[in-house]
Amino acid sequence: MSCLQVIAPGFFTTVQDLGRPGYAHLGVSACGAADPLSLRLGNMLLGNPQSAAALEMTMTGGTFRFPEGATFALTGFDSKLNGTPIAPWTTTVAHPHTELCVGRPQSGARGYLCIRGGIRVPLVLGSASTHFLSGLGGVNGRALQAGDLLPIGREPIASPKAALSRRLVISDNILRTTPGPQTSRFSDETQQTFYHSQYVVSKQVNRMGLRLQGPELRTLTDAGELSQGVSNGSIQVTNSGQPLILFVEQQTTGGYPLIANIISADLHKVGQLAPGNRVTFERVTIAEAVAFYRQQEAWIAAGDMFA
C-alpha cells in the first residue's frame, strides 16, 4: 500500500475529514476540518469523496515524501515539489521518492494536503479526524511527528480535475449570525455594539475556540446560566465581556450566555482566521441562513468550478 512519509510536520498538522457528528450527547464534539469547504473542494479536485481524510496544516506547512508516488492537491499554501514551485488548487502527480515542501498560506490560516485515495487511518466513531484535546482519531489522537508513515487509500473511480478555476466569492471576515438562545439577555444597545463593531482575533486561539478583543458586552443582569448544549459557531460572552467563538473541538456544554450563532455557510471562514485578523458580525434570519446554506451546497453540487 502507498504511503506518505512525514519528514517535518510543520507547526500543527493533523489528519482531518468532515468529522464525527452525532455524539455530542456523549461529550464528543463533531471535530473535523476547520475549513470544511476547502477540504471538500480539494477532494473533489482529485476525484475523492468529499469527506476523504487529508492533512490540515495551520500557519505553516511541512515536508513530506512520497515513497511510491501519489497524486495530490494542496489548498491555499505555497509549495515546492523537488524544488519546483507548485501552484495551489491544482492536481499534481508526484513520482516515487519525490519530496514536497509546503511553505506558508497565501491567505488565511489553514490549508489542506489532499491525496488521491485519501489518508487511511483507523476510524474512531466513524471518522478519521483528530480530536487533539481528547486524543481521539488521526494518528494516536495527536499532531503529526517526523517519521510518521500515513497509508494512502485506494484510488477512487472518479477522474481528477486539472485545477480549481473559480472559487466561491465571500465577504472578507464578515461572519453572518442568527440570534443566540440568550440574545434577549443583552440590551438593544449592547446588541447594536456587537453588530456594529470590529473585533480582533486574539492570540488565544485553537481548534476549541477563538477569543476576540473589542468593545465589552454586558448582560442586563448578572444571573448565571445553567449549562446547556453548545455547538460549533456558538458565540459566548464570558465574564470579561469579550466574545468567544466556539469552534470544531468545542466543549459540548457551556454556561456563558450565547449572544449569536455563526451560520453554517460561514463556518469555513472561521477556520481561516488568524491572530490579529479583524472580524465583524452581521445578523440574519433563520430563513436567510438556510437559503445561504442551500446556495453554497448548490454551488458545490454544480461542480463547474473546475478547469
C-alpha atoms as a PDB file:
ATOM      1  CA  MET A   1       0.000   0.000   0.000  1.00  0.00           C
ATOM      2  CA  SER A   2       1.246   3.506  -0.859  1.00  0.00           C
ATOM      3  CA  CYS A   3       2.039   5.868   1.975  1.00  0.00           C
ATOM      4  CA  LEU A   4       3.027   9.418   2.809  1.00  0.00           C
ATOM      5  CA  GLN A   5       6.139   9.932   4.930  1.00  0.00           C
ATOM      6  CA  VAL A   6       6.355  12.898   7.285  1.00  0.00           C
ATOM      7  CA  ILE A   7       9.828  14.458   7.183  1.00  0.00           C
ATOM      8  CA  ALA A   8       8.921  17.628   9.097  1.00  0.00           C
ATOM      9  CA  PRO A   9       5.334  18.144  10.283  1.00  0.00           C
ATOM     10  CA  GLY A  10       5.207  21.940  10.440  1.00  0.00           C
ATOM     11  CA  PHE A  11       3.641  23.947  13.254  1.00  0.00           C
ATOM     12  CA  PHE A  12       0.434  21.937  13.792  1.00  0.00           C
ATOM     13  CA  THR A  13      -0.558  19.335  11.216  1.00  0.00           C
ATOM     14  CA  THR A  14      -3.304  16.784  11.836  1.00  0.00           C
ATOM     15  CA  VAL A  15      -5.394  14.261   9.926  1.00  0.00           C
ATOM     16  CA  GLN A  16      -8.916  15.631   9.364  1.00  0.00           C
ATOM     17  CA  ASP A  17     -12.056  14.689   7.482  1.00  0.00           C
ATOM     18  CA  LEU A  18     -15.583  16.098   7.810  1.00  0.00           C
ATOM     19  CA  GLY A  19     -15.851  14.977  11.438  1.00  0.00           C
ATOM     20  CA  ARG A  20     -17.996  12.698  13.575  1.00  0.00           C
ATOM     21  CA  PRO A  21     -21.389  14.377  14.161  1.00  0.00           C
ATOM     22  CA  GLY A  22     -23.993  12.761  16.367  1.00  0.00           C
ATOM     23  CA  TYR A  23     -22.024  12.146  19.567  1.00  0.00           C
ATOM     24  CA  ALA A  24     -22.456  15.420  21.456  1.00  0.00           C
ATOM     25  CA  HIS A  25     -24.709  13.632  23.951  1.00  0.00           C
ATOM     26  CA  LEU A  26     -21.641  11.552  24.850  1.00  0.00           C
ATOM     27  CA  GLY A  27     -19.491  14.665  25.281  1.00  0.00           C
ATOM     28  CA  VAL A  28     -17.718  14.257  21.932  1.00  0.00           C
ATOM     29  CA  SER A  29     -17.903  17.245  19.590  1.00  0.00           C
ATOM     30  CA  ALA A  30     -18.003  16.671  15.831  1.00  0.00           C
ATOM     31  CA  CYS A  31     -14.456  17.964  15.239  1.00  0.00           C
ATOM     32  CA  GLY A  32     -13.348  17.623  11.584  1.00  0.00           C
ATOM     33  CA  ALA A  33     -11.767  20.135   9.222  1.00  0.00           C
ATOM     34  CA  ALA A  34     -11.587  23.726  10.454  1.00  0.00           C
ATOM     35  CA  ASP A  35     -12.316  24.838   6.880  1.00  0.00           C
ATOM     36  CA  PRO A  36     -14.608  22.112   5.553  1.00  0.00           C
ATOM     37  CA  LEU A  37     -15.211  23.961   2.288  1.00  0.00           C
ATOM     38  CA  SER A  38     -11.520  23.865   1.332  1.00  0.00           C
ATOM     39  CA  LEU A  39     -11.277  20.196   2.281  1.00  0.00           C
ATOM     40  CA  ARG A  40     -14.309  19.310   0.168  1.00  0.00           C
ATOM     41  CA  LEU A  41     -13.071  21.235  -2.867  1.00  0.00           C
ATOM     42  CA  GLY A  42      -9.585  19.746  -2.564  1.00  0.00           C
ATOM     43  CA  ASN A  43     -11.036  16.250  -2.515  1.00  0.00           C
ATOM     44  CA  MET A  44     -13.387  16.976  -5.411  1.00  0.00           C
ATOM     45  CA  LEU A  45     -10.420  18.202  -7.422  1.00  0.00           C
ATOM     46  CA  LEU A  46      -8.816  14.774  -7.034  1.00  0.00           C
ATOM     47  CA  GLY A  47     -11.977  12.733  -7.652  1.00  0.00           C
ATOM     48  CA  ASN A  48     -12.102  11.686  -3.977  1.00  0.00           C
ATOM     49  CA  PRO A  49     -15.260  11.537  -1.889  1.00  0.00           C
ATOM     50  CA  GLN A  50     -15.706  14.980  -0.347  1.00  0.00           C
ATOM     51  CA  SER A  51     -15.229  13.503   3.124  1.00  0.00           C
ATOM     52  CA  ALA A  52     -11.880  11.796   2.424  1.00  0.00           C
ATOM     53  CA  ALA A  53      -9.268  12.354   5.141  1.00  0.00           C
ATOM     54  CA  ALA A  54      -6.453  14.804   4.395  1.00  0.00           C
ATOM     55  CA  LEU A  55      -3.769  16.717   6.264  1.00  0.00           C
ATOM     56  CA  GLU A  56      -4.770  20.026   7.823  1.00  0.00           C
ATOM     57  CA  MET A  57      -1.854  22.441   8.205  1.00  0.00           C
ATOM     58  CA  THR A  58      -2.020  25.528  10.409  1.00  0.00           C
ATOM     59  CA  MET A  59       0.003  28.714   9.757  1.00  0.00           C
ATOM     60  CA  THR A  60       2.957  26.814   8.268  1.00  0.00           C
ATOM     61  CA  GLY A  61       3.295  23.685   6.177  1.00  0.00           C
ATOM     62  CA  GLY A  62       5.714  20.795   6.462  1.00  0.00           C
ATOM     63  CA  THR A  63       7.913  18.500   4.404  1.00  0.00           C
ATOM     64  CA  PHE A  64       6.583  15.195   3.101  1.00  0.00           C
ATOM     65  CA  ARG A  65       7.901  12.375   0.919  1.00  0.00           C
ATOM     66  CA  PHE A  66       6.013  10.080  -1.459  1.00  0.00           C
ATOM     67  CA  PRO A  67       7.971   6.778  -1.403  1.00  0.00           C
ATOM     68  CA  GLU A  68       5.715   5.129  -4.010  1.00  0.00           C
ATOM     69  CA  GLY A  69       4.435   8.305  -5.661  1.00  0.00           C
ATOM     70  CA  ALA A  70       0.914   9.795  -5.472  1.00  0.00           C
ATOM     71  CA  THR A  71      -1.452  12.356  -6.972  1.00  0.00           C
ATOM     72  CA  PHE A  72      -2.192  15.287  -4.690  1.00  0.00           C
ATOM     73  CA  ALA A  73      -3.635  18.782  -4.442  1.00  0.00           C
ATOM     74  CA  LEU A  74      -2.760  21.498  -1.965  1.00  0.00           C
ATOM     75  CA  THR A  75      -5.232  24.178  -0.940  1.00  0.00           C
ATOM     76  CA  GLY A  76      -4.036  27.696  -0.312  1.00  0.00           C
ATOM     77  CA  PHE A  77      -0.342  27.100   0.521  1.00  0.00           C
ATOM     78  CA  ASP A  78       2.823  27.824  -1.453  1.00  0.00           C
ATOM     79  CA  SER A  79       4.873  24.684  -2.022  1.00  0.00           C
ATOM     80  CA  LYS A  80       7.683  23.086  -3.996  1.00  0.00           C
ATOM     81  CA  LEU A  81       7.949  19.534  -5.312  1.00  0.00           C
ATOM     82  CA  ASN A  82      11.628  18.547  -5.516  1.00  0.00           C
ATOM     83  CA  GLY A  83      12.432  22.255  -5.599  1.00  0.00           C
ATOM     84  CA  THR A  84       9.948  23.151  -8.352  1.00  0.00           C
ATOM     85  CA  PRO A  85       7.154  25.550  -7.339  1.00  0.00           C
ATOM     86  CA  ILE A  86       3.659  24.037  -7.377  1.00  0.00           C
ATOM     87  CA  ALA A  87       0.538  26.166  -7.725  1.00  0.00           C
ATOM     88  CA  PRO A  88      -2.155  25.592  -5.094  1.00  0.00           C
ATOM     89  CA  TRP A  89      -5.539  24.263  -6.158  1.00  0.00           C
ATOM     90  CA  THR A  90      -4.038  22.151  -8.938  1.00  0.00           C
ATOM     91  CA  THR A  91      -3.743  18.395  -9.373  1.00  0.00           C
ATOM     92  CA  THR A  92      -0.101  17.313  -9.275  1.00  0.00           C
ATOM     93  CA  VAL A  93       1.492  13.912  -9.852  1.00  0.00           C
ATOM     94  CA  ALA A  94       4.378  13.100  -7.505  1.00  0.00           C
ATOM     95  CA  HIS A  95       6.723  10.399  -8.776  1.00  0.00           C
ATOM     96  CA  PRO A  96       8.245   7.858  -6.358  1.00  0.00           C
ATOM     97  CA  HIS A  97      10.691   9.317  -3.804  1.00  0.00           C
ATOM     98  CA  THR A  98       9.802  12.929  -4.596  1.00  0.00           C
ATOM     99  CA  GLU A  99       9.639  15.419  -1.715  1.00  0.00           C
ATOM    100  CA  LEU A 100       7.014  18.080  -1.135  1.00  0.00           C
ATOM    101  CA  CYS A 101       7.975  21.159   0.869  1.00  0.00           C
ATOM    102  CA  VAL A 102       4.954  23.225   1.951  1.00  0.00           C
ATOM    103  CA  GLY A 103       5.550  26.829   2.967  1.00  0.00           C
ATOM    104  CA  ARG A 104       3.107  29.395   4.298  1.00  0.00           C
ATOM    105  CA  PRO A 105      -0.510  30.070   3.340  1.00  0.00           C
ATOM    106  CA  GLN A 106      -1.153  32.565   0.569  1.00  0.00           C
ATOM    107  CA  SER A 107      -4.035  33.847   2.676  1.00  0.00           C
ATOM    108  CA  GLY A 108      -5.831  32.685   5.783  1.00  0.00           C
ATOM    109  CA  ALA A 109      -4.540  30.363   8.476  1.00  0.00           C
ATOM    110  CA  ARG A 110      -5.045  26.829   7.153  1.00  0.00           C
ATOM    111  CA  GLY A 111      -4.512  24.664   4.115  1.00  0.00           C
ATOM    112  CA  TYR A 112      -5.094  21.026   3.223  1.00  0.00           C
ATOM    113  CA  LEU A 113      -2.870  18.434   1.590  1.00  0.00           C
ATOM    114  CA  CYS A 114      -5.362  16.173  -0.146  1.00  0.00           C
ATOM    115  CA  ILE A 115      -4.139  12.954  -1.729  1.00  0.00           C
ATOM    116  CA  ARG A 116      -5.982  10.887  -4.312  1.00  0.00           C
ATOM    117  CA  GLY A 117      -7.325   7.934  -2.328  1.00  0.00           C
ATOM    118  CA  GLY A 118      -7.302   9.861   0.956  1.00  0.00           C
ATOM    119  CA  ILE A 119      -5.307   9.250   4.138  1.00  0.00           C
ATOM    120  CA  ARG A 120      -6.230   5.830   5.519  1.00  0.00           C
ATOM    121  CA  VAL A 121      -6.060   5.734   9.318  1.00  0.00           C
ATOM    122  CA  PRO A 122      -8.294   3.772  11.722  1.00  0.00           C
ATOM    123  CA  LEU A 123     -11.724   5.319  12.191  1.00  0.00           C
ATOM    124  CA  VAL A 124     -12.933   6.340  15.642  1.00  0.00           C
ATOM    125  CA  LEU A 125     -16.718   6.704  15.902  1.00  0.00           C
ATOM    126  CA  GLY A 126     -16.833   6.613  12.128  1.00  0.00           C
ATOM    127  CA  SER A 127     -14.280   9.362  11.480  1.00  0.00           C
ATOM    128  CA  ALA A 128     -10.562   9.734  10.857  1.00  0.00           C
ATOM    129  CA  SER A 129     -10.486  13.284  12.229  1.00  0.00           C
ATOM    130  CA  THR A 130      -8.043  14.139  15.004  1.00  0.00           C
ATOM    131  CA  HIS A 131      -9.712  15.475  18.158  1.00  0.00           C
ATOM    132  CA  PHE A 132      -6.485  16.748  19.660  1.00  0.00           C
ATOM    133  CA  LEU A 133      -7.771  17.816  23.074  1.00  0.00           C
ATOM    134  CA  SER A 134      -9.262  14.392  23.829  1.00  0.00           C
ATOM    135  CA  GLY A 135      -6.693  12.295  21.951  1.00  0.00           C
ATOM    136  CA  LEU A 136      -9.167  10.694  19.540  1.00  0.00           C
ATOM    137  CA  GLY A 137      -8.663   9.746  15.896  1.00  0.00           C
ATOM    138  CA  GLY A 138      -5.968  10.589  13.390  1.00  0.00           C
ATOM    139  CA  VAL A 139      -2.552   9.240  14.355  1.00  0.00           C
ATOM    140  CA  ASN A 140      -2.935   8.278  18.018  1.00  0.00           C
ATOM    141  CA  GLY A 141      -5.011  11.402  18.595  1.00  0.00           C
ATOM    142  CA  ARG A 142      -2.047  13.769  18.180  1.00  0.00           C
ATOM    143  CA  ALA A 143      -0.452  16.174  15.750  1.00  0.00           C
ATOM    144  CA  LEU A 144       1.885  14.587  13.225  1.00  0.00           C
ATOM    145  CA  GLN A 145       5.524  13.972  14.051  1.00  0.00           C
ATOM    146  CA  ALA A 146       8.633  13.447  11.945  1.00  0.00           C
ATOM    147  CA  GLY A 147       8.859   9.820  10.867  1.00  0.00           C
ATOM    148  CA  ASP A 148       5.114   9.141  10.742  1.00  0.00           C
ATOM    149  CA  LEU A 149       4.017   6.939   7.831  1.00  0.00           C
ATOM    150  CA  LEU A 150       0.450   7.536   6.690  1.00  0.00           C
ATOM    151  CA  PRO A 151      -1.162   4.896   4.449  1.00  0.00           C
ATOM    152  CA  ILE A 152      -2.897   6.172   1.314  1.00  0.00           C
ATOM    153  CA  GLY A 153      -6.221   4.592   0.350  1.00  0.00           C
ATOM    154  CA  ARG A 154      -7.180   3.078  -2.977  1.00  0.00           C
ATOM    155  CA  GLU A 155      -7.719   5.458  -5.857  1.00  0.00           C
ATOM    156  CA  PRO A 156     -11.385   6.340  -6.430  1.00  0.00           C
ATOM    157  CA  ILE A 157     -13.216   5.625  -9.669  1.00  0.00           C
ATOM    158  CA  ALA A 158     -13.896   9.291 -10.432  1.00  0.00           C
ATOM    159  CA  SER A 159     -11.286  11.056 -12.563  1.00  0.00           C
ATOM    160  CA  PRO A 160      -9.337  14.004 -11.146  1.00  0.00           C
ATOM    161  CA  LYS A 161      -9.723  17.542 -12.493  1.00  0.00           C
ATOM    162  CA  ALA A 162      -6.846  19.766 -13.569  1.00  0.00           C
ATOM    163  CA  ALA A 163      -7.384  22.778 -11.334  1.00  0.00           C
ATOM    164  CA  LEU A 164      -9.873  24.872  -9.421  1.00  0.00           C
ATOM    165  CA  SER A 165     -10.609  27.774 -11.750  1.00  0.00           C
ATOM    166  CA  ARG A 166     -13.384  29.611  -9.905  1.00  0.00           C
ATOM    167  CA  ARG A 167     -13.712  29.971  -6.163  1.00  0.00           C
ATOM    168  CA  LEU A 168     -16.717  30.883  -4.070  1.00  0.00           C
ATOM    169  CA  VAL A 169     -16.876  34.647  -3.601  1.00  0.00           C
ATOM    170  CA  ILE A 170     -17.051  35.554   0.095  1.00  0.00           C
ATOM    171  CA  SER A 171     -17.084  38.799   2.045  1.00  0.00           C
ATOM    172  CA  ASP A 172     -13.786  39.210   3.862  1.00  0.00           C
ATOM    173  CA  ASN A 173     -14.148  38.339   7.553  1.00  0.00           C
ATOM    174  CA  ILE A 174     -17.841  39.225   7.751  1.00  0.00           C
ATOM    175  CA  LEU A 175     -19.469  36.485   9.805  1.00  0.00           C
ATOM    176  CA  ARG A 176     -23.224  36.164   9.407  1.00  0.00           C
ATOM    177  CA  THR A 177     -25.092  35.076  12.523  1.00  0.00           C
ATOM    178  CA  THR A 178     -28.525  34.162  13.792  1.00  0.00           C
ATOM    179  CA  PRO A 179     -29.656  35.151  17.316  1.00  0.00           C
ATOM    180  CA  GLY A 180     -28.369  33.039  20.188  1.00  0.00           C
ATOM    181  CA  PRO A 181     -30.506  31.423  22.899  1.00  0.00           C
ATOM    182  CA  GLN A 182     -29.714  34.270  25.322  1.00  0.00           C
ATOM    183  CA  THR A 183     -29.790  37.220  22.914  1.00  0.00           C
ATOM    184  CA  SER A 184     -32.631  38.706  24.968  1.00  0.00           C
ATOM    185  CA  ARG A 185     -30.297  38.958  27.965  1.00  0.00           C
ATOM    186  CA  PHE A 186     -28.392  41.689  26.111  1.00  0.00           C
ATOM    187  CA  SER A 187     -29.873  45.154  25.722  1.00  0.00           C
ATOM    188  CA  ASP A 188     -30.675  46.521  22.267  1.00  0.00           C
ATOM    189  CA  GLU A 189     -27.758  48.934  22.700  1.00  0.00           C
ATOM    190  CA  THR A 190     -25.350  46.087  23.505  1.00  0.00           C
ATOM    191  CA  GLN A 191     -26.582  44.108  20.525  1.00  0.00           C
ATOM    192  CA  GLN A 192     -26.015  47.143  18.305  1.00  0.00           C
ATOM    193  CA  THR A 193     -22.482  47.390  19.700  1.00  0.00           C
ATOM    194  CA  PHE A 194     -21.863  43.737  18.836  1.00  0.00           C
ATOM    195  CA  TYR A 195     -23.104  44.105  15.264  1.00  0.00           C
ATOM    196  CA  HIS A 196     -21.515  47.478  14.509  1.00  0.00           C
ATOM    197  CA  SER A 197     -18.030  46.955  15.950  1.00  0.00           C
ATOM    198  CA  GLN A 198     -14.869  45.304  14.763  1.00  0.00           C
ATOM    199  CA  TYR A 199     -13.340  42.594  16.905  1.00  0.00           C
ATOM    200  CA  VAL A 200      -9.740  41.423  16.732  1.00  0.00           C
ATOM    201  CA  VAL A 201      -8.802  37.755  16.956  1.00  0.00           C
ATOM    202  CA  SER A 202      -6.533  37.415  19.984  1.00  0.00           C
ATOM    203  CA  LYS A 203      -3.528  35.143  20.382  1.00  0.00           C
ATOM    204  CA  GLN A 204      -5.711  32.767  22.420  1.00  0.00           C
ATOM    205  CA  VAL A 205      -6.942  30.642  19.525  1.00  0.00           C
ATOM    206  CA  ASN A 206      -7.027  26.937  18.838  1.00  0.00           C
ATOM    207  CA  ARG A 207      -9.416  24.392  17.409  1.00  0.00           C
ATOM    208  CA  MET A 208     -11.540  24.622  20.555  1.00  0.00           C
ATOM    209  CA  GLY A 209     -12.284  28.334  20.246  1.00  0.00           C
ATOM    210  CA  LEU A 210     -11.214  31.848  19.302  1.00  0.00           C
ATOM    211  CA  ARG A 211     -11.163  34.652  21.863  1.00  0.00           C
ATOM    212  CA  LEU A 212     -11.919  38.077  20.425  1.00  0.00           C
ATOM    213  CA  GLN A 213     -10.984  41.537  21.662  1.00  0.00           C
ATOM    214  CA  GLY A 214     -13.150  44.617  21.266  1.00  0.00           C
ATOM    215  CA  PRO A 215     -15.965  46.595  22.916  1.00  0.00           C
ATOM    216  CA  GLU A 216     -17.285  44.950  26.071  1.00  0.00           C
ATOM    217  CA  LEU A 217     -20.657  43.227  26.003  1.00  0.00           C
ATOM    218  CA  ARG A 218     -22.614  43.016  29.253  1.00  0.00           C
ATOM    219  CA  THR A 219     -25.857  41.237  30.048  1.00  0.00           C
ATOM    220  CA  LEU A 220     -28.819  43.054  31.580  1.00  0.00           C
ATOM    221  CA  THR A 221     -28.446  41.050  34.781  1.00  0.00           C
ATOM    222  CA  ASP A 222     -25.675  39.058  36.418  1.00  0.00           C
ATOM    223  CA  ALA A 223     -27.839  35.963  36.816  1.00  0.00           C
ATOM    224  CA  GLY A 224     -25.892  32.835  35.977  1.00  0.00           C
ATOM    225  CA  GLU A 225     -26.826  30.400  33.239  1.00  0.00           C
ATOM    226  CA  LEU A 226     -27.486  26.707  33.585  1.00  0.00           C
ATOM    227  CA  SER A 227     -25.143  24.611  31.476  1.00  0.00           C
ATOM    228  CA  GLN A 228     -26.658  23.901  28.087  1.00  0.00           C
ATOM    229  CA  GLY A 229     -25.694  22.295  24.814  1.00  0.00           C
ATOM    230  CA  VAL A 230     -23.428  24.389  22.594  1.00  0.00           C
ATOM    231  CA  SER A 231     -22.266  23.865  19.045  1.00  0.00           C
ATOM    232  CA  ASN A 232     -19.621  24.828  16.522  1.00  0.00           C
ATOM    233  CA  GLY A 233     -20.064  28.530  15.769  1.00  0.00           C
ATOM    234  CA  SER A 234     -21.793  29.483  19.028  1.00  0.00           C
ATOM    235  CA  ILE A 235     -20.617  32.876  20.311  1.00  0.00           C
ATOM    236  CA  GLN A 236     -20.332  33.038  24.098  1.00  0.00           C
ATOM    237  CA  VAL A 237     -19.809  36.196  26.095  1.00  0.00           C
ATOM    238  CA  THR A 238     -17.554  35.407  29.036  1.00  0.00           C
ATOM    239  CA  ASN A 239     -17.260  37.258  32.358  1.00  0.00           C
ATOM    240  CA  SER A 240     -14.673  39.503  30.723  1.00  0.00           C
ATOM    241  CA  GLY A 241     -17.371  40.912  28.453  1.00  0.00           C
ATOM    242  CA  GLN A 242     -15.487  39.666  25.393  1.00  0.00           C
ATOM    243  CA  PRO A 243     -16.981  37.288  22.808  1.00  0.00           C
ATOM    244  CA  LEU A 244     -15.601  33.783  22.311  1.00  0.00           C
ATOM    245  CA  ILE A 245     -16.315  31.767  19.161  1.00  0.00           C
ATOM    246  CA  LEU A 246     -16.658  28.077  19.961  1.00  0.00           C
ATOM    247  CA  PHE A 247     -15.050  26.031  17.224  1.00  0.00           C
ATOM    248  CA  VAL A 248     -14.676  22.486  15.900  1.00  0.00           C
ATOM    249  CA  GLU A 249     -13.301  20.939  19.095  1.00  0.00           C
ATOM    250  CA  GLN A 250     -15.630  22.906  21.371  1.00  0.00           C
ATOM    251  CA  GLN A 251     -16.935  21.551  24.638  1.00  0.00           C
ATOM    252  CA  THR A 252     -20.447  20.187  24.170  1.00  0.00           C
ATOM    253  CA  THR A 253     -21.998  22.131  27.079  1.00  0.00           C
ATOM    254  CA  GLY A 254     -21.387  25.592  28.483  1.00  0.00           C
ATOM    255  CA  GLY A 255     -22.808  28.105  30.945  1.00  0.00           C
ATOM    256  CA  TYR A 256     -21.918  31.506  29.458  1.00  0.00           C
ATOM    257  CA  PRO A 257     -24.734  33.358  27.643  1.00  0.00           C
ATOM    258  CA  LEU A 258     -24.790  32.897  23.861  1.00  0.00           C
ATOM    259  CA  ILE A 259     -25.371  36.148  22.002  1.00  0.00           C
ATOM    260  CA  ALA A 260     -25.319  34.659  18.489  1.00  0.00           C
ATOM    261  CA  ASN A 261     -24.535  31.636  16.308  1.00  0.00           C
ATOM    262  CA  ILE A 262     -22.450  31.774  13.144  1.00  0.00           C
ATOM    263  CA  ILE A 263     -24.390  30.312  10.215  1.00  0.00           C
ATOM    264  CA  SER A 264     -23.246  27.014   8.689  1.00  0.00           C
ATOM    265  CA  ALA A 265     -22.360  28.639   5.363  1.00  0.00           C
ATOM    266  CA  ASP A 266     -19.765  30.858   7.084  1.00  0.00           C
ATOM    267  CA  LEU A 267     -18.047  28.351   9.392  1.00  0.00           C
ATOM    268  CA  HIS A 268     -15.297  27.791   6.826  1.00  0.00           C
ATOM    269  CA  LYS A 269     -14.328  31.461   7.239  1.00  0.00           C
ATOM    270  CA  VAL A 270     -13.680  30.902  10.947  1.00  0.00           C
ATOM    271  CA  GLY A 271     -11.182  28.178  10.045  1.00  0.00           C
ATOM    272  CA  GLN A 272      -9.090  30.733   8.178  1.00  0.00           C
ATOM    273  CA  LEU A 273      -8.912  33.330  10.948  1.00  0.00           C
ATOM    274  CA  ALA A 274      -5.503  34.014  12.487  1.00  0.00           C
ATOM    275  CA  PRO A 275      -4.432  36.161  15.455  1.00  0.00           C
ATOM    276  CA  GLY A 276      -4.655  39.835  14.541  1.00  0.00           C
ATOM    277  CA  ASN A 277      -7.416  39.395  11.956  1.00  0.00           C
ATOM    278  CA  ARG A 278     -10.413  41.681  12.324  1.00  0.00           C
ATOM    279  CA  VAL A 279     -13.977  40.404  12.086  1.00  0.00           C
ATOM    280  CA  THR A 280     -17.428  41.952  12.044  1.00  0.00           C
ATOM    281  CA  PHE A 281     -20.793  40.308  12.557  1.00  0.00           C
ATOM    282  CA  GLU A 282     -23.980  40.586  10.521  1.00  0.00           C
ATOM    283  CA  ARG A 283     -27.379  39.485  11.797  1.00  0.00           C
ATOM    284  CA  VAL A 284     -29.563  37.359   9.501  1.00  0.00           C
ATOM    285  CA  THR A 285     -32.774  35.417   9.966  1.00  0.00           C
ATOM    286  CA  ILE A 286     -33.039  31.635  10.222  1.00  0.00           C
ATOM    287  CA  ALA A 287     -34.703  31.584   6.790  1.00  0.00           C
ATOM    288  CA  GLU A 288     -31.829  33.573   5.296  1.00  0.00           C
ATOM    289  CA  ALA A 289     -29.290  31.251   6.955  1.00  0.00           C
ATOM    290  CA  VAL A 290     -30.992  28.235   5.381  1.00  0.00           C
ATOM    291  CA  ALA A 291     -31.035  29.969   1.988  1.00  0.00           C
ATOM    292  CA  PHE A 292     -27.314  30.808   2.188  1.00  0.00           C
ATOM    293  CA  TYR A 293     -26.521  27.181   3.084  1.00  0.00           C
ATOM    294  CA  ARG A 294     -28.590  25.844   0.187  1.00  0.00           C
ATOM    295  CA  GLN A 295     -26.959  28.326  -2.179  1.00  0.00           C
ATOM    296  CA  GLN A 296     -23.489  27.165  -1.125  1.00  0.00           C
ATOM    297  CA  GLU A 297     -24.423  23.486  -1.436  1.00  0.00           C
ATOM    298  CA  ALA A 298     -25.917  24.075  -4.888  1.00  0.00           C
ATOM    299  CA  TRP A 299     -22.676  25.768  -5.962  1.00  0.00           C
ATOM    300  CA  ILE A 300     -20.684  22.754  -4.770  1.00  0.00           C
ATOM    301  CA  ALA A 301     -23.063  20.238  -6.345  1.00  0.00           C
ATOM    302  CA  ALA A 302     -22.890  22.003  -9.719  1.00  0.00           C
ATOM    303  CA  GLY A 303     -19.176  21.258  -9.778  1.00  0.00           C
ATOM    304  CA  ASP A 304     -18.454  23.772 -12.531  1.00  0.00           C
ATOM    305  CA  MET A 305     -15.636  25.481 -10.634  1.00  0.00           C
ATOM    306  CA  PHE A 306     -13.016  23.094 -12.046  1.00  0.00           C
ATOM    307  CA  ALA A 307     -10.964  23.517 -15.217  1.00  0.00           C
END
